[in-house]
């Protein structure tokens, strides 16, 4: 009995402690919880956005990367395949939206560009806009492959210089509808780049338009039904567009032709846009006037920017069709990750524009963007011809 006394006293003390704890007033427990929450709040730090996020937001709030203000650094915008191309530009923008800009760019492959452009203020409640530009570009080594739906991998290079003076008008008569018309004069000068390569010279000499160096009066009209949030970057919406081009060679009619480009794009958001499925389809077709030729350097082409697993200009002919499927997901602010599948072909006749025997590539990449602009795309793509690393400064598309 005496041996059980210590255990009995211990049990009594434990029960007394429990009674005191349960007898504590509800108000006292609430006060203790409030004190704990206050202590946590004092330890919380205010979120400070990273430096790059601050810069991107500042640029976007000021009107985006397309707004010209003072002396700026420029990249790219020469003919595709130029490689890394830094340059310098200057711009002035009025309060009404008018702008004057000039830039010069030089690439690591000796490509060159000089351009002066002007934009009118916005008219009719921002529905009407006029633009004009004078542009000179020199591309000394443009990749050149044989024509056809499945040409051999033999490559040579040609040189191309283009001078352009043009103007255009853009009209938005109603929401989601965009109309565009332009007129300009374009001079082309082409030549063979590899005098030491007789096989390449033979290929160059047999292509339509070789040595013609035509001067064109180029007119175009286009229409688009556009439900996207922005042309430069979006996570939802639909685009349906068509553009008609007329290239009239003023020297003679043998190289005059028409061209029609069509596009259909669909962005399907999942979980409030954290994931996006993108589907795009593009097609181009050309028509020579009175049996005339379409110069090879103005034919539709695929490779590099659309069939990303193939080199630039890998496929070229009178007509083309290609499509892309992408799965994108939001990694963090201003950064998307993506995986993609591309497929397409070029053909000599319009009747062969179907989905048979397409060349394909797969890959993935990272995109840096604002809410309205794509800044940089870094991608790896694979096809039957190997692995390619790509850097782009525009959305996916033709």
Protein backbone atom coordinates (compact mmCIF):
# COMPACT_ATOMS: atom_id res chain seq x y z
CA UNK A 1 0.00 0.00 0.00
CA UNK A 2 2.77 2.45 0.99
CA UNK A 3 4.64 1.52 -2.19
CA UNK A 4 1.58 2.65 -4.30
CA UNK A 5 1.40 6.12 -2.67
CA UNK A 6 4.01 7.87 -4.86
CA UNK A 7 2.27 6.65 -8.02
CA UNK A 8 -1.11 7.82 -6.69
CA UNK A 9 0.25 11.30 -5.87
CA UNK A 10 1.80 11.55 -9.36
CA UNK A 11 -1.57 10.73 -10.97
CA UNK A 12 -3.33 13.34 -8.82
CA UNK A 13 -0.82 16.04 -9.84
CA UNK A 14 -1.19 15.12 -13.56
CA UNK A 15 -4.99 15.36 -13.38
CA UNK A 16 -4.71 18.70 -11.63
CA UNK A 17 -2.49 20.00 -14.42
CA UNK A 18 -4.99 18.89 -17.06
CA UNK A 19 -7.84 20.55 -15.19
CA UNK A 20 -5.91 23.83 -15.04
CA UNK A 21 -5.14 23.67 -18.75
CA UNK A 22 -8.77 22.98 -19.75
CA UNK A 23 -10.01 25.56 -17.31
CA UNK A 24 -7.99 28.30 -19.09
CA UNK A 25 -10.31 30.97 -20.46
CA UNK A 26 -10.96 30.96 -24.19
CA UNK A 27 -9.94 34.58 -24.31
CA UNK A 28 -6.52 33.72 -22.97
CA UNK A 29 -5.98 31.16 -25.75
CA UNK A 30 -7.06 33.69 -28.38
CA UNK A 31 -4.66 36.23 -26.97
CA UNK A 32 -1.82 33.71 -27.13
CA UNK A 33 -2.60 32.93 -30.78
CA UNK A 34 -2.71 36.64 -31.56
CA UNK A 35 0.71 37.11 -29.96
CA UNK A 36 2.12 34.25 -32.05
CA UNK A 37 0.70 35.72 -35.28
CA UNK A 38 2.12 39.14 -34.41
CA UNK A 39 5.57 37.60 -33.84
CA UNK A 40 5.40 35.86 -37.24
CA UNK A 41 4.34 39.10 -38.95
CA UNK A 42 7.33 40.93 -37.48
CA UNK A 43 9.66 38.30 -38.95
CA UNK A 44 8.15 38.50 -42.47
CA UNK A 45 10.21 40.40 -45.06
CA UNK A 46 8.72 42.58 -47.79
CA UNK A 47 9.02 40.95 -51.25
CA UNK A 48 11.61 42.67 -53.40
CA UNK A 49 11.36 41.79 -57.10
CA UNK A 50 14.61 40.82 -58.88
CA UNK A 51 16.46 43.48 -60.85
CA UNK A 52 15.53 42.03 -64.25
CA UNK A 53 11.85 41.91 -63.30
CA UNK A 54 11.99 45.57 -62.28
CA UNK A 55 13.62 46.54 -65.62
CA UNK A 56 11.11 44.58 -67.71
CA UNK A 57 8.16 46.11 -65.86
CA UNK A 58 9.62 49.60 -66.30
CA UNK A 59 10.02 49.10 -70.05
CA UNK A 60 6.54 47.64 -70.38
CA UNK A 61 4.94 50.48 -68.41
CA UNK A 62 6.74 52.95 -70.67
CA UNK A 63 5.13 51.45 -73.77
CA UNK A 64 7.12 48.29 -74.52
CA UNK A 65 10.27 47.46 -76.45
CA UNK A 66 8.82 48.75 -79.71
CA UNK A 67 8.81 52.36 -78.49
CA UNK A 68 11.81 54.36 -79.69
CA UNK A 69 13.41 56.64 -77.09
CA UNK A 70 16.92 58.04 -77.38
CA UNK A 71 20.02 55.98 -78.08
CA UNK A 72 19.44 52.24 -77.60
CA UNK A 73 21.17 48.93 -78.30
CA UNK A 74 19.61 46.86 -81.10
CA UNK A 75 19.88 43.16 -81.98
CA UNK A 76 19.02 41.17 -85.10
CA UNK A 77 16.33 42.07 -87.65
CA UNK A 78 18.64 41.35 -90.60
CA UNK A 79 17.92 38.49 -92.99
CA UNK A 80 17.46 35.17 -91.20
CA UNK A 81 20.67 33.25 -90.61
CA UNK A 82 22.79 36.31 -89.86
CA UNK A 83 23.90 34.99 -86.46
CA UNK A 84 24.44 37.26 -83.48
CA UNK A 85 23.88 40.80 -84.76
CA UNK A 86 24.34 43.71 -82.33
CA UNK A 87 23.91 47.33 -83.33
CA UNK A 88 22.86 50.78 -82.24
CA UNK A 89 19.70 52.78 -82.81
CA UNK A 90 18.12 56.11 -82.04
CA UNK A 91 14.45 57.01 -81.74
CA UNK A 92 12.16 59.86 -80.88
CA UNK A 93 8.49 59.43 -79.94
CA UNK A 94 5.88 62.19 -79.70
CA UNK A 95 3.14 62.32 -77.11
CA UNK A 96 0.57 61.48 -79.81
CA UNK A 97 2.32 58.25 -80.81
CA UNK A 98 4.30 59.51 -83.80
CA UNK A 99 7.85 58.20 -84.00
CA UNK A 100 11.10 58.51 -85.94
CA UNK A 101 13.77 55.82 -85.63
CA UNK A 102 17.09 54.86 -87.18
CA UNK A 103 19.37 51.88 -86.61
CA UNK A 104 22.44 50.11 -87.89
CA UNK A 105 23.25 46.45 -87.20
CA UNK A 106 26.29 44.29 -88.02
CA UNK A 107 26.47 40.53 -87.47
CA UNK A 108 29.28 38.10 -86.73
CA UNK A 109 28.72 36.66 -90.25
CA UNK A 110 29.29 40.06 -91.89
CA UNK A 111 25.58 40.70 -92.50
CA UNK A 112 24.73 44.42 -92.45
CA UNK A 113 21.59 46.51 -92.02
CA UNK A 114 20.82 50.25 -92.11
CA UNK A 115 17.24 51.43 -91.66
CA UNK A 116 15.33 54.68 -91.11
CA UNK A 117 11.61 54.48 -90.29
CA UNK A 118 8.77 56.80 -89.31
CA UNK A 119 5.34 56.27 -87.80
CA UNK A 120 2.39 58.66 -87.76
CA UNK A 121 0.36 59.54 -84.67
CA UNK A 122 -2.68 57.34 -84.10
CA UNK A 123 -5.79 58.56 -85.90
CA UNK A 124 -9.50 57.85 -85.51
CA UNK A 125 -9.36 56.75 -81.86
CA UNK A 126 -6.21 54.63 -82.39
CA UNK A 127 -7.80 52.74 -85.28
CA UNK A 128 -5.61 54.07 -88.11
CA UNK A 129 -1.82 54.22 -88.36
CA UNK A 130 0.70 54.95 -91.14
CA UNK A 131 4.31 53.75 -91.36
CA UNK A 132 7.17 54.23 -93.81
CA UNK A 133 10.77 53.05 -94.00
CA UNK A 134 13.93 53.06 -96.08
CA UNK A 135 16.08 49.96 -95.60
CA UNK A 136 19.32 48.48 -96.94
CA UNK A 137 20.55 45.02 -96.01
CA UNK A 138 23.50 42.96 -97.19
CA UNK A 139 23.71 39.17 -96.68
CA UNK A 140 27.00 37.86 -98.14
CA UNK A 141 26.53 34.13 -97.37
CA UNK A 142 22.94 32.90 -97.44
CA UNK A 143 22.52 29.09 -97.30
CA UNK A 144 21.33 27.58 -100.58
CA UNK A 145 20.06 24.02 -101.14
CA UNK A 146 18.46 22.40 -104.19
CA UNK A 147 14.73 22.93 -104.71
CA UNK A 148 12.12 20.23 -104.21
CA UNK A 149 10.17 18.35 -101.53
CA UNK A 150 13.12 16.21 -100.36
CA UNK A 151 16.36 17.75 -101.68
CA UNK A 152 19.80 16.31 -100.87
CA UNK A 153 21.75 17.89 -98.02
CA UNK A 154 24.23 19.48 -100.41
CA UNK A 155 24.70 23.14 -99.46
CA UNK A 156 26.35 26.10 -101.07
CA UNK A 157 25.91 29.86 -100.41
CA UNK A 158 24.81 32.89 -102.38
CA UNK A 159 25.05 36.64 -101.70
CA UNK A 160 22.00 38.89 -101.58
CA UNK A 161 21.67 42.66 -101.25
CA UNK A 162 18.24 44.27 -100.91
CA UNK A 163 17.27 47.95 -100.95
CA UNK A 164 13.72 48.96 -100.04
CA UNK A 165 11.60 52.11 -99.77
CA UNK A 166 8.05 51.37 -98.63
CA UNK A 167 4.99 52.55 -96.77
CA UNK A 168 1.96 50.92 -95.20
CA UNK A 169 -1.37 51.73 -93.56
CA UNK A 170 -2.86 49.73 -90.68
CA UNK A 171 -6.58 49.90 -89.89
CA UNK A 172 -8.63 48.36 -87.08
CA UNK A 173 -12.24 49.04 -88.14
CA UNK A 174 -13.68 47.00 -85.26
CA UNK A 175 -12.25 45.13 -82.31
CA UNK A 176 -10.39 41.92 -83.21
CA UNK A 177 -10.22 42.80 -86.94
CA UNK A 178 -7.00 44.13 -88.49
CA UNK A 179 -6.50 45.30 -92.08
CA UNK A 180 -3.13 46.22 -93.60
CA UNK A 181 -1.99 47.52 -96.97
CA UNK A 182 1.46 48.43 -98.24
CA UNK A 183 3.33 49.62 -101.33
CA UNK A 184 7.06 49.80 -101.95
CA UNK A 185 9.97 49.55 -104.35
CA UNK A 186 12.53 46.77 -103.78
CA UNK A 187 15.87 46.23 -105.57
CA UNK A 188 17.64 42.85 -105.41
CA UNK A 189 21.22 42.04 -106.32
CA UNK A 190 22.32 38.39 -106.02
CA UNK A 191 25.49 36.50 -106.80
CA UNK A 192 27.37 33.28 -106.07
CA UNK A 193 29.50 33.23 -102.91
CA UNK A 194 31.82 30.25 -103.56
CA UNK A 195 33.78 30.73 -106.78
CA UNK A 196 35.98 27.77 -105.83
CA UNK A 197 33.03 25.37 -105.76
CA UNK A 198 32.03 24.35 -109.33
CA UNK A 199 29.18 22.10 -108.12
CA UNK A 200 27.69 24.94 -106.10
CA UNK A 201 28.04 27.32 -109.04
CA UNK A 202 26.19 24.84 -111.25
CA UNK A 203 23.33 24.69 -108.74
CA UNK A 204 23.18 28.49 -108.50
CA UNK A 205 23.14 28.93 -112.29
CA UNK A 206 20.23 26.51 -112.74
CA UNK A 207 17.85 28.17 -110.26
CA UNK A 208 15.07 30.48 -111.49
CA UNK A 209 15.90 34.18 -111.12
CA UNK A 210 19.68 33.72 -111.15
CA UNK A 211 21.37 36.85 -112.47
CA UNK A 212 18.09 38.68 -113.02
CA UNK A 213 18.58 41.23 -110.20
CA UNK A 214 14.99 42.43 -110.54
CA UNK A 215 13.52 45.69 -109.29
CA UNK A 216 10.00 45.17 -107.98
CA UNK A 217 7.00 47.32 -107.25
CA UNK A 218 5.71 45.29 -104.31
CA UNK A 219 2.11 45.79 -103.18
CA UNK A 220 0.29 43.80 -100.54
CA UNK A 221 -2.99 43.65 -98.64
CA UNK A 222 -3.80 41.55 -95.60
CA UNK A 223 -6.63 40.87 -93.22
CA UNK A 224 -6.68 39.21 -89.81
CA UNK A 225 -9.19 38.12 -87.21
CA UNK A 226 -7.16 38.32 -84.02
CA UNK A 227 -8.40 37.31 -80.55
CA UNK A 228 -4.92 37.15 -78.97
CA UNK A 229 -3.99 39.34 -76.00
CA UNK A 230 -1.00 40.68 -77.94
CA UNK A 231 0.84 40.02 -81.22
CA UNK A 232 4.17 39.73 -79.38
CA UNK A 233 3.16 37.34 -76.59
CA UNK A 234 -0.09 35.69 -75.55
CA UNK A 235 -1.38 32.73 -73.57
CA UNK A 236 -4.88 32.57 -75.10
CA UNK A 237 -6.77 33.44 -78.25
CA UNK A 238 -7.12 32.74 -81.96
CA UNK A 239 -5.49 34.19 -85.08
CA UNK A 240 -6.74 33.74 -88.65
CA UNK A 241 -4.91 35.79 -91.29
CA UNK A 242 -4.24 35.98 -95.02
CA UNK A 243 -1.87 38.19 -97.05
CA UNK A 244 -1.81 38.74 -100.80
CA UNK A 245 1.45 39.99 -102.41
CA UNK A 246 1.97 41.27 -105.95
CA UNK A 247 5.58 41.51 -107.16
CA UNK A 248 5.65 43.45 -110.43
CA UNK A 249 9.08 43.46 -112.10
CA UNK A 250 9.26 46.86 -113.81
CA UNK A 251 12.18 45.89 -116.09
CA UNK A 252 10.36 42.98 -117.74
CA UNK A 253 7.51 40.68 -116.93
CA UNK A 254 9.42 37.40 -116.81
CA UNK A 255 9.86 37.57 -113.03
CA UNK A 256 6.51 39.09 -112.00
CA UNK A 257 4.44 36.90 -109.71
CA UNK A 258 1.80 36.77 -106.97
CA UNK A 259 2.08 35.16 -103.58
CA UNK A 260 -0.52 34.30 -100.90
CA UNK A 261 0.36 33.52 -97.26
CA UNK A 262 -2.17 32.11 -94.78
CA UNK A 263 -1.95 31.46 -91.03
CA UNK A 264 -4.15 29.85 -88.37
CA UNK A 265 -3.07 29.85 -84.72
CA UNK A 266 -4.85 28.65 -81.58
CA UNK A 267 -3.74 29.12 -77.95
CA UNK A 268 -5.54 26.90 -75.42
CA UNK A 269 -4.99 27.93 -71.76
CA UNK A 270 -5.14 25.33 -68.99
CA UNK A 271 -5.39 26.17 -65.27
CA UNK A 272 -5.76 29.92 -65.82
CA UNK A 273 -2.97 29.95 -68.38
CA UNK A 274 -0.31 28.27 -66.24
CA UNK A 275 -0.16 25.68 -69.04
CA UNK A 276 -0.82 26.47 -72.69
CA UNK A 277 -1.26 24.27 -75.75
CA UNK A 278 -0.32 26.12 -78.95
CA UNK A 279 -1.30 24.89 -82.42
CA UNK A 280 -0.19 26.71 -85.57
CA UNK A 281 -0.70 26.07 -89.29
CA UNK A 282 0.89 28.14 -92.10
CA UNK A 283 0.83 27.80 -95.90
CA UNK A 284 2.24 29.84 -98.81
CA UNK A 285 1.68 29.59 -102.54
CA UNK A 286 3.08 31.50 -105.53
CA UNK A 287 1.76 32.12 -109.03
CA UNK A 288 3.98 33.30 -111.91
CA UNK A 289 2.48 35.89 -114.28
CA UNK A 290 1.91 34.64 -117.85
CA UNK A 291 4.12 31.62 -117.26
CA UNK A 292 6.90 33.70 -115.71
CA UNK A 293 9.36 32.49 -113.10
CA UNK A 294 9.40 33.07 -109.36
CA UNK A 295 12.98 33.95 -108.32
CA UNK A 296 14.37 31.35 -105.95
CA UNK A 297 15.23 33.95 -103.28
CA UNK A 298 11.54 34.99 -103.00
CA UNK A 299 10.10 31.47 -102.94
CA UNK A 300 8.53 30.09 -99.73
CA UNK A 301 11.14 28.33 -97.59
CA UNK A 302 11.27 26.25 -94.42
CA UNK A 303 14.00 25.55 -91.89
CA UNK A 304 15.47 27.26 -88.86
CA UNK A 305 12.57 29.40 -87.68
CA UNK A 306 9.70 26.97 -88.36
CA UNK A 307 11.20 23.50 -88.93
CA UNK A 308 13.59 24.12 -86.06
CA UNK A 309 15.48 20.83 -86.35
CA UNK A 310 16.75 21.79 -89.83
CA UNK A 311 19.14 24.52 -90.90
CA UNK A 312 17.96 27.85 -92.30
CA UNK A 313 16.43 27.67 -95.80
CA UNK A 314 16.81 23.86 -95.87
CA UNK A 315 13.68 23.48 -98.03
CA UNK A 316 12.60 25.90 -100.75
CA UNK A 317 10.08 25.75 -103.62
CA UNK A 318 7.01 27.40 -105.15
CA UNK A 319 4.63 26.30 -102.35
CA UNK A 320 4.97 25.38 -98.67
CA UNK A 321 2.94 24.07 -95.73
CA UNK A 322 3.96 23.54 -92.10
CA UNK A 323 2.44 23.18 -88.66
CA UNK A 324 3.61 23.30 -85.07
CA UNK A 325 2.29 21.94 -81.76
CA UNK A 326 3.73 23.24 -78.47
CA UNK A 327 3.13 22.56 -74.80
CA UNK A 328 4.15 25.53 -72.65
CA UNK A 329 4.12 26.03 -68.94
CA UNK A 330 4.67 29.01 -66.68
CA UNK A 331 7.96 28.53 -64.80
CA UNK A 332 8.04 31.89 -63.02
CA UNK A 333 7.41 35.55 -63.76
CA UNK A 334 8.53 36.35 -67.35
CA UNK A 335 9.85 32.81 -68.01
CA UNK A 336 8.11 29.97 -69.90
CA UNK A 337 9.34 26.46 -70.66
CA UNK A 338 8.15 24.62 -73.76
CA UNK A 339 8.37 21.38 -75.73
CA UNK A 340 7.41 21.34 -79.41
CA UNK A 341 6.89 19.30 -82.57
CA UNK A 342 7.26 20.83 -86.07
CA UNK A 343 6.36 19.34 -89.45
CA UNK A 344 6.26 20.69 -92.98
CA UNK A 345 7.43 20.56 -96.61
CA UNK A 346 7.91 22.61 -99.77
CA UNK A 347 6.57 21.40 -103.13
CA UNK A 348 6.68 22.46 -106.81
CA UNK A 349 2.90 22.18 -107.43
CA UNK A 350 -0.06 23.47 -105.47
CA UNK A 351 -1.80 20.09 -105.69
CA UNK A 352 0.92 18.59 -103.50
CA UNK A 353 0.08 20.85 -100.55
CA UNK A 354 -1.11 18.12 -98.21
CA UNK A 355 0.02 16.48 -94.97
CA UNK A 356 1.85 13.55 -96.55
CA UNK A 357 5.63 12.98 -96.35
CA UNK A 358 6.29 15.93 -94.02
CA UNK A 359 9.74 16.60 -92.57
CA UNK A 360 9.60 16.82 -88.78
CA UNK A 361 11.59 17.90 -85.74
CA UNK A 362 11.13 17.91 -81.96
CA UNK A 363 12.67 19.96 -79.19
CA UNK A 364 12.30 22.19 -76.15
CA UNK A 365 13.35 25.55 -74.87
CA UNK A 366 13.08 28.54 -72.56
CA UNK A 367 11.36 31.86 -73.37
CA UNK A 368 11.96 35.21 -71.69
CA UNK A 369 9.03 37.60 -72.16
CA UNK A 370 6.91 40.42 -70.82
CA UNK A 371 3.12 40.29 -70.80
CA UNK A 372 3.02 41.66 -74.38
CA UNK A 373 6.41 40.85 -75.98
CA UNK A 374 8.66 37.85 -76.58
CA UNK A 375 12.22 38.94 -75.80
CA UNK A 376 14.36 35.81 -76.29
CA UNK A 377 13.74 32.16 -77.22
CA UNK A 378 16.54 29.68 -76.47
CA UNK A 379 15.81 26.25 -77.90
CA UNK A 380 17.27 22.84 -78.75
CA UNK A 381 15.73 20.99 -81.71
CA UNK A 382 16.40 17.56 -83.20
CA UNK A 383 15.64 16.13 -86.63
CA UNK A 384 17.02 13.36 -88.82
CA UNK A 385 19.86 15.76 -89.69
CA UNK A 386 21.02 16.23 -86.10
CA UNK A 387 20.74 18.56 -83.14
CA UNK A 388 20.47 22.35 -83.49
CA UNK A 389 20.76 25.18 -80.97
CA UNK A 390 18.62 28.22 -81.71
CA UNK A 391 18.21 31.74 -80.36
CA UNK A 392 15.19 33.77 -81.51
CA UNK A 393 13.85 37.23 -80.68
CA UNK A 394 10.23 36.85 -81.80
CA UNK A 395 7.25 34.54 -81.25
CA UNK A 396 7.09 31.17 -82.96
CA UNK A 397 5.79 31.46 -86.51
CA UNK A 398 6.70 32.16 -90.13
